[in-house]
């Protein structure tokens, strides 16, 4: 790396200094950096990215449906057959929180968020997860303000939601 002193006025530079400065300004510094990753790390990153993409693409619409239902009825999604819809709802919240956590961890370590992934889908899922988190905070806050509580995750007998 070349550190330069403050520029000298043109009247005070000799011809030899002028040639030296001209040659120095034309030099370029080529830096090559290559990270070494093993095949296990590459396949794990690819598998993790693909799972996050699939989970995020399924989870964000489920959360949107859940938040809409919560806002309009005061209850979450119905349990569904054998509790499958309620389980999908709960897992969707966990997936979104996991993606946001992974993004924040990556941001703290590298200074940038998650990589774009194939076709930019991981970046899209990351953005949708942040939007879902904001929507969760807003709807839960409004629900708590209007009703004084949030519905429980598991229906209990006598509860207003599916109890």
Protein backbone atom coordinates (compact mmCIF):
# COMPACT_ATOMS: atom_id res chain seq x y z
CA UNK A 1 0.00 0.00 0.00
CA UNK A 2 1.33 3.40 -0.90
CA UNK A 3 0.80 6.29 1.46
CA UNK A 4 1.02 9.65 -0.18
CA UNK A 5 1.88 12.94 1.36
CA UNK A 6 -0.35 15.94 0.81
CA UNK A 7 -0.21 17.22 -2.76
CA UNK A 8 2.44 19.77 -3.53
CA UNK A 9 1.51 22.83 -5.56
CA UNK A 10 2.41 22.44 -9.27
CA UNK A 11 4.86 25.31 -9.12
CA UNK A 12 7.11 23.44 -6.66
CA UNK A 13 7.34 19.99 -8.35
CA UNK A 14 10.40 19.15 -10.38
CA UNK A 15 10.11 17.19 -13.62
CA UNK A 16 11.56 14.04 -12.01
CA UNK A 17 9.04 14.26 -9.15
CA UNK A 18 6.25 14.75 -11.64
CA UNK A 19 7.23 11.60 -13.57
CA UNK A 20 7.50 9.61 -10.32
CA UNK A 21 4.04 10.72 -9.16
CA UNK A 22 2.55 9.99 -12.58
CA UNK A 23 4.01 6.46 -12.62
CA UNK A 24 2.87 5.80 -9.05
CA UNK A 25 -0.69 6.85 -9.79
CA UNK A 26 -0.88 4.39 -12.69
CA UNK A 27 0.05 1.36 -10.61
CA UNK A 28 -2.79 -0.85 -9.54
CA UNK A 29 -2.93 -3.06 -6.54
CA UNK A 30 -4.36 -6.48 -7.35
CA UNK A 31 -5.65 -8.38 -4.35
CA UNK A 32 -6.92 -11.91 -4.67
CA UNK A 33 -8.66 -13.65 -1.84
CA UNK A 34 -9.93 -17.17 -1.92
CA UNK A 35 -11.69 -18.91 0.92
CA UNK A 36 -11.04 -22.58 1.37
CA UNK A 37 -14.10 -24.60 2.24
CA UNK A 38 -14.31 -28.32 2.43
CA UNK A 39 -16.96 -30.26 0.51
CA UNK A 40 -18.79 -30.91 3.78
CA UNK A 41 -19.10 -27.19 4.48
CA UNK A 42 -20.29 -26.49 0.94
CA UNK A 43 -22.93 -29.22 1.03
CA UNK A 44 -24.05 -28.19 4.53
CA UNK A 45 -24.41 -24.56 3.45
CA UNK A 46 -26.36 -25.62 0.37
CA UNK A 47 -28.59 -27.94 2.37
CA UNK A 48 -29.17 -25.31 5.06
CA UNK A 49 -29.96 -22.69 2.44
CA UNK A 50 -32.40 -24.99 0.64
CA UNK A 51 -34.15 -25.90 3.90
CA UNK A 52 -34.40 -22.22 4.86
CA UNK A 53 -35.81 -21.36 1.42
CA UNK A 54 -38.40 -24.13 1.54
CA UNK A 55 -39.33 -23.40 5.15
CA UNK A 56 -39.53 -19.67 4.57
CA UNK A 57 -41.64 -19.95 1.43
CA UNK A 58 -44.14 -22.14 3.30
CA UNK A 59 -44.00 -20.27 6.62
CA UNK A 60 -44.62 -16.70 5.52
CA UNK A 61 -48.05 -17.36 3.92
CA UNK A 62 -49.07 -19.47 6.92
CA UNK A 63 -48.11 -16.62 9.25
CA UNK A 64 -50.02 -14.14 7.09
CA UNK A 65 -53.10 -16.40 7.33
CA UNK A 66 -52.58 -16.79 11.08
CA UNK A 67 -52.23 -13.04 11.69
CA UNK A 68 -55.28 -12.26 9.56
CA UNK A 69 -57.30 -14.85 11.50
CA UNK A 70 -56.02 -13.51 14.81
CA UNK A 71 -56.90 -9.93 13.89
CA UNK A 72 -60.38 -10.73 12.57
CA UNK A 73 -61.51 -13.40 15.07
CA UNK A 74 -59.29 -12.88 18.10
CA UNK A 75 -58.09 -16.50 17.82
CA UNK A 76 -55.30 -18.22 15.96
CA UNK A 77 -55.75 -20.87 13.28
CA UNK A 78 -58.01 -23.81 14.12
CA UNK A 79 -56.22 -27.00 15.19
CA UNK A 80 -57.32 -28.87 12.05
CA UNK A 81 -57.24 -32.62 11.58
CA UNK A 82 -55.10 -34.17 14.33
CA UNK A 83 -53.81 -30.67 15.17
CA UNK A 84 -51.89 -30.41 11.90
CA UNK A 85 -52.87 -26.81 11.04
CA UNK A 86 -52.08 -25.60 14.55
CA UNK A 87 -48.74 -27.43 14.44
CA UNK A 88 -47.94 -25.89 11.06
CA UNK A 89 -48.75 -22.47 12.51
CA UNK A 90 -46.44 -22.96 15.48
CA UNK A 91 -43.59 -24.35 13.38
CA UNK A 92 -43.99 -21.45 10.94
CA UNK A 93 -43.42 -18.92 13.72
CA UNK A 94 -40.31 -20.84 14.79
CA UNK A 95 -38.97 -20.98 11.23
CA UNK A 96 -39.34 -17.21 10.76
CA UNK A 97 -37.65 -16.50 14.09
CA UNK A 98 -34.88 -18.96 13.12
CA UNK A 99 -34.27 -17.29 9.74
CA UNK A 100 -34.17 -13.84 11.33
CA UNK A 101 -31.78 -15.14 14.01
CA UNK A 102 -29.53 -16.72 11.37
CA UNK A 103 -29.59 -13.45 9.41
CA UNK A 104 -28.67 -11.38 12.46
CA UNK A 105 -25.87 -13.80 13.38
CA UNK A 106 -24.49 -13.66 9.83
CA UNK A 107 -24.78 -9.87 9.84
CA UNK A 108 -22.80 -9.63 13.07
CA UNK A 109 -20.06 -11.94 11.78
CA UNK A 110 -19.70 -10.80 8.17
CA UNK A 111 -21.23 -7.34 8.05
CA UNK A 112 -23.85 -8.39 5.50
CA UNK A 113 -26.97 -10.51 5.65
CA UNK A 114 -27.56 -13.94 4.21
CA UNK A 115 -26.31 -14.69 0.70
CA UNK A 116 -28.85 -14.43 -2.11
CA UNK A 117 -28.90 -18.17 -2.66
CA UNK A 118 -30.15 -19.84 -5.82
CA UNK A 119 -32.27 -17.49 -7.96
CA UNK A 120 -32.14 -14.94 -5.12
CA UNK A 121 -34.65 -16.97 -3.12
CA UNK A 122 -32.73 -16.96 0.17
CA UNK A 123 -32.50 -13.18 0.07
CA UNK A 124 -36.22 -12.98 -0.66
CA UNK A 125 -37.02 -15.36 2.20
CA UNK A 126 -34.82 -13.27 4.50
CA UNK A 127 -36.72 -10.11 3.58
CA UNK A 128 -40.10 -11.81 3.93
CA UNK A 129 -39.06 -13.13 7.34
CA UNK A 130 -38.22 -9.63 8.56
CA UNK A 131 -41.55 -8.35 7.21
CA UNK A 132 -43.35 -11.24 8.93
CA UNK A 133 -41.61 -10.42 12.20
CA UNK A 134 -42.72 -6.80 11.98
CA UNK A 135 -46.28 -7.91 11.17
CA UNK A 136 -46.21 -10.31 14.14
CA UNK A 137 -45.14 -7.54 16.49
CA UNK A 138 -47.80 -5.16 15.17
CA UNK A 139 -50.72 -7.63 15.24
CA UNK A 140 -49.72 -9.12 18.61
CA UNK A 141 -49.37 -5.60 20.02
CA UNK A 142 -52.79 -4.59 18.71
CA UNK A 143 -54.32 -7.83 20.02
CA UNK A 144 -52.82 -7.29 23.44
CA UNK A 145 -53.91 -3.65 23.49
CA UNK A 146 -57.49 -4.41 22.43
CA UNK A 147 -58.11 -7.74 24.21
CA UNK A 148 -55.68 -7.46 27.10
CA UNK A 149 -54.03 -10.81 26.27
CA UNK A 150 -52.98 -13.14 23.49
CA UNK A 151 -54.64 -16.51 22.89
CA UNK A 152 -52.69 -19.43 24.32
CA UNK A 153 -50.74 -21.78 22.07
CA UNK A 154 -52.73 -24.82 23.25
CA UNK A 155 -56.53 -24.80 23.52
CA UNK A 156 -57.78 -25.47 27.05
CA UNK A 157 -61.33 -26.39 28.08
CA UNK A 158 -63.50 -23.32 28.53
CA UNK A 159 -61.21 -21.15 26.38
CA UNK A 160 -62.89 -18.83 23.86
CA UNK A 161 -60.73 -20.25 21.06
CA UNK A 162 -61.42 -23.90 20.23
CA UNK A 163 -61.78 -24.90 23.91
